[in-house]
Every structure is written in C-alpha cells, then in structure tokens.
Amino acid sequence: MADRSPVLRIITSAARESLKPLGLSRRGRSRLWIDDHAWWLGVVEFTPPRTLGSGLYVGAMWLWHDVDHLAFHVDAVRTGPEPFRTEDQFTPLARELGRQAAANVTELREKFPALSDVARYLTSRPVRRGFLWDSFDAGIAAALTGDPATARDHFERVLREDPLAPWMVQAQEKAQELHGIAPDRDAVTAWVTRAVGSCRSKLGLDPMTLAIS
C-alpha cells in the first residue's frame, strides 16, 4: 500500500496556514476542519481520492439534526481531486486547496451571518420532491424566525413524503412535533436548543450558550 503520510502532512500544513487564522479547528488527526458557530458548523474536508492526493469539500451543517457525525446540509463546494506524485509537485496544489477552503469558509460566513439569513436561504430554495431534509430545515428556520405559517407548510411537505426507511419515519415524527409547536417560538427555540446541545455532545464539541437569533 502506498504511504499516505506525506499527503496528510502536506495537507495538514496547508490547512493550518489558511484555516487556523480564521479560527477553524482540526478534528483530531483527520482531514476535517470545522468553523464553529454554536448552532451550525462550517465543515471543511480535504477529501481523499482513490489514489494519493486530495480534493476539497466545504459546506454547512445544521446541528439541530442531532447526529453523531459531521454532515453537509447545504450544497457544498467541491474541488479537485489533485493528484500526488511528489512532495514538490503536490505542496503548491495543497496550498491552493487551503486558500480555496479559506475563501469558501469566508463565503459561508457572509452568506449566513444570522438566523434570518439562514431562514431566507432555506425557505427560498426550489422544492425538490424526495429531498425531505430541505423542507425539514426550512420549517425549523421559519419557525425560529416567527413565521409559523411557512414553517407548517414545510413540515407538511415532510409529512407527505413516503416513509421508505426508518430514518424517514424518525424525521416525520420530529416534523409532526414541530408542526404542532410551530406557532410557539419559545417552544421551538427550546426544542432546537436541546437538539443542538445533544448534537454538540455527540460530536465531542464543547457546550456553548446558544444565541439563536
């Protein structure tokens, strides 16, 4: 098996150079870096291709999903992969990936500076049948920003999907609960606060006081 350690070392060095100044942190010894905004994360992954080298995958994760793994809930930026042949050849490519990652993270920050911006983005996306989480996320964001009618409309779309897998059944159970409390912004905020706190714990992130506004 080819030795991947030079690739990881070069990628890590490039990421530190570009992402640490922005405040991102590395996940252990992985190729993953996170930009922590308490209730959502910017996620950067220097994706390993089938051969030596690296690509880049950047997106946003909403922590109200309450899962134990990092995920991309917004259409993410994909770049590469860039191949590794020699250290001299790959090092400038890795640095460029690091610079692109930093630019993508900055773009996400500018796109989602506040919950109201997240809500506008999520509720304005075209409806795609079969993309249950699109409507689920839009419903939560609308309810959190005091728009229960829009929230319920999106939750009803979730409930109209055919539950073909256990995870869909669970999503619909959550959507049904949120549909019922959508007019009560405080209740929705409390629900989201619990879900985010649980998700942060599962991901090994430090507890944070949430300012969902």
Protein backbone atom coordinates (compact mmCIF):
# COMPACT_ATOMS: atom_id res chain seq x y z
CA MET A 1 0.00 0.00 0.00
CA ALA A 2 1.28 3.48 -0.87
CA ASP A 3 2.42 5.63 2.02
CA ARG A 4 -0.21 8.32 2.56
CA SER A 5 1.60 10.08 5.42
CA PRO A 6 3.35 12.68 3.18
CA VAL A 7 -0.02 13.65 1.70
CA LEU A 8 -1.63 14.08 5.11
CA ARG A 9 1.35 16.02 6.41
CA ILE A 10 1.31 18.42 3.45
CA ILE A 11 -2.48 18.86 3.56
CA THR A 12 -2.37 19.48 7.31
CA SER A 13 0.35 22.11 6.91
CA ALA A 14 -1.59 23.88 4.14
CA ALA A 15 -4.81 23.79 6.16
CA ARG A 16 -3.12 25.19 9.25
CA GLU A 17 -1.66 28.01 7.19
CA SER A 18 -5.03 29.00 5.69
CA LEU A 19 -7.68 27.92 8.21
CA LYS A 20 -6.21 28.38 11.68
CA PRO A 21 -6.00 32.18 11.25
CA LEU A 22 -9.77 32.10 10.61
CA GLY A 23 -10.35 30.24 13.87
CA LEU A 24 -11.12 26.80 12.46
CA SER A 25 -10.11 23.69 14.38
CA ARG A 26 -8.97 20.31 13.13
CA ARG A 27 -10.90 17.17 14.05
CA GLY A 28 -8.28 15.02 15.73
CA ARG A 29 -5.76 13.80 13.16
CA SER A 30 -8.26 13.76 10.30
CA ARG A 31 -8.63 15.79 7.12
CA LEU A 32 -11.68 17.53 8.61
CA TRP A 33 -11.76 21.11 9.92
CA ILE A 34 -14.72 22.90 11.47
CA ASP A 35 -15.86 26.51 11.78
CA ASP A 36 -18.00 26.53 14.93
CA HIS A 37 -20.99 28.90 15.08
CA ALA A 38 -22.67 27.23 18.07
CA TRP A 39 -25.84 26.04 16.28
CA TRP A 40 -24.26 25.44 12.88
CA LEU A 41 -20.87 24.45 11.58
CA GLY A 42 -18.85 25.23 8.52
CA VAL A 43 -17.29 21.90 7.57
CA VAL A 44 -14.12 21.54 5.50
CA GLU A 45 -12.97 18.15 4.29
CA PHE A 46 -9.82 17.58 2.30
CA THR A 47 -11.29 14.51 0.70
CA PRO A 48 -9.00 11.58 -0.08
CA PRO A 49 -9.44 10.35 -3.67
CA ARG A 50 -9.00 6.73 -4.68
CA THR A 51 -5.33 7.41 -5.36
CA LEU A 52 -2.88 9.60 -3.47
CA GLY A 53 -3.79 13.26 -3.36
CA SER A 54 -6.71 15.34 -2.13
CA GLY A 55 -9.88 17.10 -3.13
CA LEU A 56 -11.87 19.68 -1.21
CA TYR A 57 -15.46 19.63 0.10
CA VAL A 58 -16.89 22.62 2.00
CA GLY A 59 -20.41 23.15 3.31
CA ALA A 60 -22.64 23.95 6.27
CA MET A 61 -24.15 21.63 8.87
CA TRP A 62 -27.23 22.49 10.98
CA LEU A 63 -26.74 21.00 14.42
CA TRP A 64 -30.48 20.71 15.09
CA HIS A 65 -30.23 17.40 13.19
CA ASP A 66 -28.78 15.92 16.39
CA VAL A 67 -26.50 13.31 14.78
CA ASP A 68 -23.17 11.83 15.85
CA HIS A 69 -21.26 12.58 12.65
CA LEU A 70 -20.37 15.61 10.57
CA ALA A 71 -22.62 16.21 7.58
CA PHE A 72 -23.20 18.66 4.75
CA HIS A 73 -26.73 20.08 4.80
CA VAL A 74 -26.12 22.87 2.31
CA ASP A 75 -24.93 22.32 -1.24
CA ALA A 76 -21.20 22.16 -0.73
CA VAL A 77 -18.29 23.39 -2.81
CA ARG A 78 -16.33 20.56 -4.40
CA THR A 79 -12.82 20.97 -5.83
CA GLY A 80 -10.31 18.52 -7.23
CA PRO A 81 -9.09 15.95 -6.64
CA GLU A 82 -5.48 16.98 -7.04
CA PRO A 83 -3.08 14.05 -7.52
CA PHE A 84 0.07 13.41 -5.51
CA ARG A 85 3.16 12.47 -7.48
CA THR A 86 5.97 14.06 -5.50
CA GLU A 87 6.11 16.34 -2.47
CA ASP A 88 7.45 19.22 -4.57
CA GLN A 89 4.64 18.81 -7.09
CA PHE A 90 1.84 18.39 -4.52
CA THR A 91 2.80 21.08 -1.98
CA PRO A 92 1.68 24.10 -4.09
CA LEU A 93 -1.52 22.24 -5.03
CA ALA A 94 -2.28 21.64 -1.36
CA ARG A 95 -1.64 25.28 -0.53
CA GLU A 96 -4.08 26.30 -3.24
CA LEU A 97 -6.68 23.91 -1.81
CA GLY A 98 -6.10 25.55 1.59
CA ARG A 99 -6.62 29.01 0.12
CA GLN A 100 -9.78 27.86 -1.64
CA ALA A 101 -11.05 26.35 1.61
CA ALA A 102 -10.47 29.64 3.42
CA ALA A 103 -12.32 31.53 0.68
CA ASN A 104 -15.23 29.07 0.84
CA VAL A 105 -15.43 29.36 4.64
CA THR A 106 -15.48 33.16 4.38
CA GLU A 107 -18.25 32.91 1.78
CA LEU A 108 -20.34 30.73 4.11
CA ARG A 109 -19.86 33.22 6.95
CA GLU A 110 -21.00 36.05 4.70
CA LYS A 111 -23.94 34.01 3.44
CA PHE A 112 -25.19 33.00 6.91
CA PRO A 113 -24.30 35.81 9.35
CA ALA A 114 -27.60 35.44 11.23
CA LEU A 115 -30.57 33.10 11.58
CA SER A 116 -32.73 35.41 9.46
CA ASP A 117 -30.30 34.95 6.56
CA VAL A 118 -30.39 31.18 7.00
CA ALA A 119 -34.20 31.25 7.02
CA ARG A 120 -34.37 33.33 3.83
CA TYR A 121 -31.98 30.99 2.09
CA LEU A 122 -33.68 27.77 3.20
CA THR A 123 -37.26 28.88 2.55
CA SER A 124 -36.45 30.34 -0.88
CA ARG A 125 -34.93 27.20 -2.34
CA PRO A 126 -36.98 25.40 -5.01
CA VAL A 127 -38.94 22.48 -3.60
CA ARG A 128 -37.37 19.16 -4.61
CA ARG A 129 -39.57 16.15 -4.05
CA GLY A 130 -37.65 13.43 -2.28
CA PHE A 131 -35.31 15.90 -0.56
CA LEU A 132 -37.02 15.63 2.79
CA TRP A 133 -34.33 17.46 4.76
CA ASP A 134 -34.69 20.59 2.61
CA SER A 135 -38.23 21.07 3.89
CA PHE A 136 -37.35 19.97 7.42
CA ASP A 137 -34.58 22.57 7.71
CA ALA A 138 -36.69 25.30 6.11
CA GLY A 139 -39.51 24.57 8.55
CA ILE A 140 -37.25 24.87 11.58
CA ALA A 141 -35.67 28.10 10.36
CA ALA A 142 -39.07 29.64 9.58
CA ALA A 143 -40.46 28.66 13.00
CA LEU A 144 -37.40 30.08 14.76
CA THR A 145 -37.82 33.40 12.97
CA GLY A 146 -41.51 33.71 13.85
CA ASP A 147 -43.16 32.55 10.63
CA PRO A 148 -45.33 29.61 11.71
CA ALA A 149 -47.41 29.50 8.52
CA THR A 150 -44.33 28.98 6.36
CA ALA A 151 -42.93 26.56 8.92
CA ARG A 152 -46.04 24.42 8.91
CA ASP A 153 -46.15 24.41 5.12
CA HIS A 154 -42.63 22.97 5.01
CA PHE A 155 -43.30 20.46 7.79
CA GLU A 156 -46.40 19.28 5.91
CA ARG A 157 -44.20 18.63 2.89
CA VAL A 158 -42.03 16.40 5.07
CA LEU A 159 -45.11 14.55 6.27
CA ARG A 160 -46.32 13.97 2.70
CA GLU A 161 -43.17 12.03 1.77
CA ASP A 162 -43.45 8.25 1.62
CA PRO A 163 -41.53 6.94 4.68
CA LEU A 164 -39.44 4.34 2.87
CA ALA A 165 -36.76 3.97 5.56
CA PRO A 166 -36.60 4.14 9.37
CA TRP A 167 -34.73 7.46 9.28
CA MET A 168 -37.63 8.95 7.30
CA VAL A 169 -40.10 7.76 9.91
CA GLN A 170 -37.99 9.42 12.61
CA ALA A 171 -37.76 12.64 10.60
CA GLN A 172 -41.53 12.70 10.18
CA GLU A 173 -42.06 12.15 13.89
CA LYS A 174 -39.91 15.21 14.57
CA ALA A 175 -41.68 17.19 11.86
CA GLN A 176 -45.07 16.27 13.37
CA GLU A 177 -43.93 17.51 16.78
CA LEU A 178 -42.52 20.72 15.35
CA HIS A 179 -45.66 21.28 13.27
CA GLY A 180 -47.67 21.26 16.47
CA ILE A 181 -45.50 23.80 18.29
CA ALA A 182 -44.64 26.00 15.28
CA PRO A 183 -46.72 28.99 16.48
CA ASP A 184 -44.89 28.98 19.82
CA ARG A 185 -41.47 30.42 19.01
CA ASP A 186 -40.20 29.85 22.54
CA ALA A 187 -41.15 26.18 22.39
CA VAL A 188 -39.41 25.77 19.03
CA THR A 189 -36.32 27.54 20.35
CA ALA A 190 -36.27 25.22 23.37
CA TRP A 191 -36.62 22.18 21.07
CA VAL A 192 -33.77 23.36 18.87
CA THR A 193 -31.60 24.23 21.88
CA ARG A 194 -31.98 20.68 23.22
CA ALA A 195 -31.24 19.14 19.83
CA VAL A 196 -28.18 21.31 19.25
CA GLY A 197 -26.84 20.63 22.74
CA SER A 198 -27.26 16.90 22.21
CA CYS A 199 -25.58 17.05 18.81
CA ARG A 200 -22.64 19.04 20.16
CA SER A 201 -22.19 16.43 22.87
CA LYS A 202 -22.28 13.57 20.37
CA LEU A 203 -19.70 15.34 18.20
CA GLY A 204 -17.42 15.99 21.17
CA LEU A 205 -17.81 19.76 20.88
CA ASP A 206 -17.67 21.99 23.93
CA PRO A 207 -21.04 23.11 25.35
CA MET A 208 -21.98 26.61 24.28
CA THR A 209 -24.68 29.08 25.26
CA LEU A 210 -26.83 29.39 22.18
CA ALA A 211 -27.98 32.74 20.91
CA ILE A 212 -30.43 31.64 18.23
CA SER A 213 -31.44 34.95 16.70
